[in-house]
Amino acid sequence: MRRTSIGSWAYNVGPYGEHPIPFDTVLEKLAELKFDGVELGGFNGYPNPQNHPTKDDREALKKKVAGHGLAFSGFAQDLWSEHLLDTDDPTHYIDSFKANAQFAVDLGIAGIRVDTVQPPTIHATADYAMLLQRLTSVWDRCIRYAGDKGLYVTWEFEPGFAFNKPSDILRVLEALPHDNFGVMYDTCHGQMVAVNGVRQEGTKETLPGGQLELIQKLSGRINHIHLIDSDNTCHKDAAGADETSAHPPFGEGVLNFDELVPALAKEDIGHDWWTVDLCFWPDAWNATAKCKAALDELNRKYG
């Protein structure tokens, strides 16, 4: 059986951004629902390197989480304000990455998440080869640093960020063949990238075999898994434009998890966590119990 967790960002970004659910309340809820862990999103007031600056702070946080019978399944670091693709000077990004990596190490977290930061519209205004070189050269340094700390790095590809076509993902992976680097496979993002080709600049690129073909292409490089439904739509930004994948609860979308989960279960991702992602869902708090029940059923069938 796989250990189960949920991303804490469901309760402090998007619809919850102005009024986050207190982190302690989140821990109580997850313990009550018998999750095995929480995937920590270190932004908007939740634990991060800035509000837990000392080893004592971090040790206390570890004890608090463990006191609820939970563990950390991963860490989504706050790099959304950074410049990665749109600068020739990545110093601040790298310094921030290192601070977050040390935070993860101090909490006993094995994996740390990255994304490409800038939106896909950057491909319409900048040379592709230059952007790819910027990305891979910076990430190469970060991945090596993380490896020296005993961490793996997982890239969450998605419609809302650059390099969001199937061939982009493969190109980046080919340039960064590190053992401690791979992709986070989120079933909602997989649908929007492989099936719908949402927010792709230039020629739309989808796969005839949909998500199963994408999973096959990424096989061996998947090192983290998020399970959640998709209704083939994006979450909307404040102006009403597509931002990134919507994350509807299980049963409120179109995905066939009896096809997808067995394919993902075959992947040797290096650990035993399956994580729910309700990012931007407007009623994530009340949907949590439903998602845990659905995840438990998938775990019984395929875990």
Protein backbone atom coordinates (compact mmCIF):
# COMPACT_ATOMS: atom_id res chain seq x y z
CA MET A 1 0.00 0.00 0.00
CA ARG A 2 1.11 3.54 -0.72
CA ARG A 3 1.31 6.25 1.89
CA THR A 4 -1.19 9.04 1.27
CA SER A 5 -0.84 12.80 1.59
CA ILE A 6 -2.35 16.02 0.29
CA GLY A 7 -0.77 19.31 -0.75
CA SER A 8 -1.22 21.95 1.94
CA TRP A 9 -1.38 24.72 -0.71
CA ALA A 10 -4.99 23.71 -1.37
CA TYR A 11 -5.84 25.64 1.79
CA ASN A 12 -3.76 28.82 1.47
CA VAL A 13 -3.67 29.89 -2.20
CA GLY A 14 -6.29 30.81 -4.77
CA PRO A 15 -9.72 30.97 -3.13
CA TYR A 16 -8.08 30.58 0.28
CA GLY A 17 -5.34 33.12 -0.39
CA GLU A 18 -6.84 35.94 1.69
CA HIS A 19 -8.06 33.67 4.46
CA PRO A 20 -5.84 30.59 4.72
CA ILE A 21 -6.90 27.67 6.84
CA PRO A 22 -4.49 27.73 9.82
CA PHE A 23 -1.73 25.18 9.34
CA ASP A 24 -2.43 23.57 12.71
CA THR A 25 -6.06 23.11 11.69
CA VAL A 26 -4.91 21.45 8.48
CA LEU A 27 -2.80 18.99 10.45
CA GLU A 28 -5.74 18.17 12.70
CA LYS A 29 -8.00 17.55 9.69
CA LEU A 30 -5.50 15.32 7.90
CA ALA A 31 -4.91 13.28 11.04
CA GLU A 32 -8.66 12.90 11.52
CA LEU A 33 -9.04 11.62 7.95
CA LYS A 34 -6.13 9.22 8.48
CA PHE A 35 -3.78 10.63 5.88
CA ASP A 36 -0.22 9.43 6.35
CA GLY A 37 1.28 12.82 5.63
CA VAL A 38 1.16 16.34 4.31
CA GLU A 39 2.96 17.80 1.32
CA LEU A 40 4.16 21.17 2.51
CA GLY A 41 3.71 24.31 0.43
CA GLY A 42 6.04 26.89 1.95
CA PHE A 43 4.17 30.06 1.04
CA ASN A 44 1.53 32.49 2.30
CA GLY A 45 2.31 32.01 5.95
CA TYR A 46 2.71 28.24 6.04
CA PRO A 47 6.07 26.92 7.33
CA ASN A 48 9.02 28.05 5.24
CA PRO A 49 12.69 28.99 5.68
CA GLN A 50 11.84 32.59 6.60
CA ASN A 51 9.31 31.94 9.37
CA HIS A 52 11.23 28.90 10.65
CA PRO A 53 14.78 30.26 10.41
CA THR A 54 16.52 28.20 13.11
CA LYS A 55 17.21 24.52 13.62
CA ASP A 56 15.15 24.69 16.81
CA ASP A 57 12.18 26.13 14.87
CA ARG A 58 12.42 23.33 12.35
CA GLU A 59 12.82 20.63 14.95
CA ALA A 60 9.70 21.89 16.71
CA LEU A 61 7.80 21.78 13.42
CA LYS A 62 8.92 18.20 12.79
CA LYS A 63 7.70 17.20 16.23
CA LYS A 64 4.37 18.97 15.72
CA VAL A 65 3.70 17.15 12.46
CA ALA A 66 4.82 13.82 13.89
CA GLY A 67 2.63 14.46 16.93
CA HIS A 68 -0.38 14.29 14.62
CA GLY A 69 0.81 10.96 13.26
CA LEU A 70 1.87 12.57 9.98
CA ALA A 71 5.03 12.81 7.90
CA PHE A 72 6.15 15.13 5.12
CA SER A 73 5.74 13.67 1.62
CA GLY A 74 7.53 16.54 -0.10
CA PHE A 75 8.13 20.28 -0.19
CA ALA A 76 6.82 22.83 -2.69
CA GLN A 77 9.13 25.79 -2.29
CA ASP A 78 8.10 29.37 -2.88
CA LEU A 79 10.05 30.43 -5.96
CA TRP A 80 7.11 32.04 -7.78
CA SER A 81 8.51 35.56 -7.34
CA GLU A 82 11.90 34.58 -8.72
CA HIS A 83 13.44 35.26 -12.13
CA LEU A 84 14.59 32.11 -13.87
CA LEU A 85 13.97 32.29 -17.61
CA ASP A 86 13.76 36.07 -17.88
CA THR A 87 17.20 36.96 -16.57
CA ASP A 88 20.88 36.41 -17.29
CA ASP A 89 21.62 36.59 -13.55
CA PRO A 90 20.11 33.60 -11.70
CA THR A 91 22.00 34.31 -8.46
CA HIS A 92 18.91 35.10 -6.39
CA TYR A 93 17.01 32.08 -7.69
CA ILE A 94 19.90 29.76 -6.84
CA ASP A 95 20.33 31.28 -3.39
CA SER A 96 16.61 30.87 -2.71
CA PHE A 97 16.70 27.29 -3.93
CA LYS A 98 19.59 26.50 -1.62
CA ALA A 99 17.81 28.02 1.38
CA ASN A 100 14.73 25.95 0.65
CA ALA A 101 16.78 22.82 0.12
CA GLN A 102 18.41 23.22 3.52
CA PHE A 103 14.97 23.76 5.05
CA ALA A 104 13.81 20.47 3.51
CA VAL A 105 16.88 18.67 4.80
CA ASP A 106 16.31 20.02 8.32
CA LEU A 107 12.72 18.75 8.24
CA GLY A 108 13.72 15.33 6.94
CA ILE A 109 11.92 15.88 3.63
CA ALA A 110 13.36 13.82 0.79
CA GLY A 111 12.07 15.70 -2.26
CA ILE A 112 11.75 19.30 -3.36
CA ARG A 113 9.54 20.66 -6.15
CA VAL A 114 10.44 23.09 -8.94
CA ASP A 115 8.63 24.66 -11.88
CA THR A 116 9.81 26.90 -14.69
CA VAL A 117 8.45 30.04 -12.94
CA GLN A 118 7.71 32.20 -15.97
CA PRO A 119 4.46 31.75 -17.95
CA PRO A 120 4.46 30.06 -21.37
CA THR A 121 3.92 33.42 -23.08
CA ILE A 122 7.67 33.97 -22.71
CA HIS A 123 8.12 31.62 -25.69
CA ALA A 124 6.49 34.23 -27.93
CA THR A 125 9.06 36.88 -27.04
CA ALA A 126 12.36 35.06 -26.47
CA ASP A 127 14.55 32.59 -28.34
CA TYR A 128 13.71 28.99 -27.45
CA ALA A 129 17.32 27.78 -27.39
CA MET A 130 18.32 30.63 -25.09
CA LEU A 131 15.45 29.87 -22.70
CA LEU A 132 16.31 26.18 -22.66
CA GLN A 133 19.95 26.95 -21.95
CA ARG A 134 19.03 29.29 -19.09
CA LEU A 135 16.71 26.73 -17.57
CA THR A 136 18.96 23.71 -17.80
CA SER A 137 22.14 25.49 -16.73
CA VAL A 138 20.50 26.86 -13.58
CA TRP A 139 18.70 23.65 -12.76
CA ASP A 140 21.88 21.65 -13.30
CA ARG A 141 23.50 23.63 -10.48
CA CYS A 142 20.45 23.30 -8.25
CA ILE A 143 20.04 19.58 -8.86
CA ARG A 144 23.69 18.93 -8.07
CA TYR A 145 23.38 20.97 -4.87
CA ALA A 146 20.27 19.04 -3.87
CA GLY A 147 21.99 15.75 -4.62
CA ASP A 148 24.85 16.66 -2.35
CA LYS A 149 22.23 17.22 0.37
CA GLY A 150 20.59 13.85 -0.30
CA LEU A 151 17.50 15.37 -1.94
CA TYR A 152 15.70 14.55 -5.14
CA VAL A 153 14.23 17.33 -7.30
CA THR A 154 10.87 16.91 -9.01
CA TRP A 155 9.68 19.18 -11.83
CA GLU A 156 5.96 19.86 -11.94
CA PHE A 157 5.24 20.59 -15.60
CA GLU A 158 1.90 22.28 -16.20
CA PRO A 159 0.03 24.55 -18.63
CA GLY A 160 0.67 27.70 -16.62
CA PHE A 161 4.45 27.61 -16.97
CA ALA A 162 6.92 27.60 -19.85
CA PHE A 163 8.11 24.36 -21.49
CA ASN A 164 4.66 22.84 -21.32
CA LYS A 165 4.61 20.67 -24.45
CA PRO A 166 5.38 16.93 -24.32
CA SER A 167 8.50 17.44 -26.45
CA ASP A 168 9.63 20.28 -24.15
CA ILE A 169 9.44 18.00 -21.15
CA LEU A 170 11.47 15.30 -22.85
CA ARG A 171 14.02 17.85 -24.07
CA VAL A 172 14.61 19.17 -20.55
CA LEU A 173 14.89 15.67 -19.11
CA GLU A 174 17.40 14.71 -21.79
CA ALA A 175 19.53 17.73 -20.91
CA LEU A 176 19.43 16.90 -17.20
CA PRO A 177 20.07 13.15 -16.83
CA HIS A 178 20.73 13.30 -13.10
CA ASP A 179 19.56 10.35 -11.01
CA ASN A 180 18.00 12.71 -8.46
CA PHE A 181 15.97 14.67 -11.02
CA GLY A 182 12.70 13.78 -12.67
CA VAL A 183 9.15 14.89 -13.22
CA MET A 184 6.17 15.06 -10.94
CA TYR A 185 3.31 13.36 -12.74
CA ASP A 186 0.08 15.17 -11.86
CA THR A 187 -2.86 13.46 -13.58
CA CYS A 188 -4.68 16.76 -14.06
CA HIS A 189 -1.67 18.47 -15.64
CA GLY A 190 -1.03 15.36 -17.73
CA GLN A 191 -4.52 15.71 -19.19
CA MET A 192 -4.13 19.38 -20.00
CA VAL A 193 -0.68 18.92 -21.55
CA ALA A 194 -1.05 15.65 -23.47
CA VAL A 195 -4.74 15.72 -24.39
CA ASN A 196 -5.72 19.38 -24.55
CA GLY A 197 -2.46 21.22 -25.30
CA VAL A 198 -3.62 24.21 -23.27
CA ARG A 199 -1.57 27.45 -23.19
CA GLN A 200 1.04 26.13 -25.59
CA GLU A 201 2.67 28.89 -27.62
CA GLY A 202 2.90 28.29 -31.36
CA THR A 203 1.78 24.96 -32.78
CA LYS A 204 -0.34 22.95 -30.36
CA GLU A 205 1.21 19.62 -29.46
CA THR A 206 -0.86 16.75 -28.08
CA LEU A 207 -0.37 12.98 -28.07
CA PRO A 208 -2.63 10.50 -29.93
CA GLY A 209 -2.39 8.13 -26.99
CA GLY A 210 -3.17 10.84 -24.47
CA GLN A 211 -1.94 10.47 -20.93
CA LEU A 212 -0.98 6.82 -21.28
CA GLU A 213 1.38 7.76 -24.10
CA LEU A 214 2.83 10.60 -22.04
CA ILE A 215 3.41 8.29 -19.07
CA GLN A 216 5.14 5.82 -21.39
CA LYS A 217 7.37 8.56 -22.81
CA LEU A 218 8.30 9.72 -19.30
CA SER A 219 8.75 6.22 -17.91
CA GLY A 220 11.82 5.94 -15.74
CA ARG A 221 11.94 9.69 -15.07
CA ILE A 222 8.77 10.05 -12.97
CA ASN A 223 9.81 10.58 -9.35
CA HIS A 224 6.67 11.98 -7.73
CA ILE A 225 2.94 11.45 -8.25
CA HIS A 226 -0.08 13.69 -7.74
CA LEU A 227 -3.51 12.14 -8.26
CA ILE A 228 -6.56 14.31 -8.95
CA ASP A 229 -9.29 14.60 -11.57
CA SER A 230 -9.53 16.93 -14.60
CA ASP A 231 -12.56 18.42 -16.32
CA ASN A 232 -10.47 19.59 -19.29
CA THR A 233 -10.50 23.19 -18.05
CA CYS A 234 -8.09 25.60 -16.45
CA HIS A 235 -8.36 27.59 -13.28
CA LYS A 236 -8.98 31.22 -14.22
CA ASP A 237 -6.88 34.17 -13.12
CA ALA A 238 -8.34 37.42 -11.78
CA ALA A 239 -9.01 38.63 -15.33
CA GLY A 240 -10.85 35.44 -16.27
CA ALA A 241 -8.08 34.04 -18.47
CA ASP A 242 -6.75 30.48 -18.32
CA GLU A 243 -3.97 30.15 -15.76
CA THR A 244 -3.18 26.53 -15.00
CA SER A 245 -5.03 23.22 -14.66
CA ALA A 246 -8.16 23.14 -12.57
CA HIS A 247 -7.99 20.38 -9.97
CA PRO A 248 -11.55 19.10 -9.48
CA PRO A 249 -12.07 16.40 -6.86
CA PHE A 250 -12.20 12.75 -7.89
CA GLY A 251 -15.44 11.99 -9.70
CA GLU A 252 -16.02 15.57 -10.85
CA GLY A 253 -13.95 15.24 -14.00
CA VAL A 254 -13.37 12.92 -16.93
CA LEU A 255 -10.28 10.90 -16.01
CA ASN A 256 -10.26 7.12 -16.04
CA PHE A 257 -8.13 6.33 -13.01
CA ASP A 258 -8.52 2.60 -13.63
CA GLU A 259 -6.31 3.18 -16.70
CA LEU A 260 -3.97 5.85 -15.37
CA VAL A 261 -3.17 4.62 -11.88
CA PRO A 262 -2.03 1.11 -12.88
CA ALA A 263 0.36 2.70 -15.39
CA LEU A 264 1.73 5.06 -12.75
CA ALA A 265 1.89 2.31 -10.13
CA LYS A 266 4.38 0.45 -12.33
CA GLU A 267 6.84 3.34 -12.13
CA ASP A 268 9.69 3.02 -9.64
CA ILE A 269 9.53 6.57 -8.29
CA GLY A 270 11.92 5.93 -5.41
CA HIS A 271 9.37 6.25 -2.58
CA ASP A 272 5.84 5.15 -1.67
CA TRP A 273 3.81 8.40 -1.56
CA TRP A 274 0.66 9.18 -3.53
CA THR A 275 -0.47 12.79 -3.06
CA VAL A 276 -3.79 14.52 -3.68
CA ASP A 277 -3.59 18.00 -5.25
CA LEU A 278 -6.64 20.27 -4.88
CA CYS A 279 -4.79 23.43 -5.85
CA PHE A 280 -7.15 26.34 -6.65
CA TRP A 281 -10.28 24.26 -6.04
CA PRO A 282 -12.82 26.69 -4.51
CA ASP A 283 -14.12 24.25 -1.87
CA ALA A 284 -10.98 22.24 -1.25
CA TRP A 285 -11.52 22.06 2.51
CA ASN A 286 -14.88 20.32 2.21
CA ALA A 287 -13.70 18.18 -0.70
CA THR A 288 -10.79 16.73 1.24
CA ALA A 289 -12.71 13.86 2.83
CA LYS A 290 -14.17 12.81 -0.53
CA CYS A 291 -10.71 12.82 -2.08
CA LYS A 292 -9.23 10.77 0.73
CA ALA A 293 -11.93 8.13 0.27
CA ALA A 294 -11.28 7.99 -3.48
CA LEU A 295 -7.53 7.79 -2.96
CA ASP A 296 -7.97 4.99 -0.43
CA GLU A 297 -10.03 3.04 -2.97
CA LEU A 298 -7.33 3.46 -5.62
CA ASN A 299 -4.75 2.41 -3.06
CA ARG A 300 -6.71 -0.76 -2.25
CA LYS A 301 -6.97 -1.61 -5.94
CA TYR A 302 -3.54 -0.62 -7.23
CA GLY A 303 -1.30 0.41 -4.34
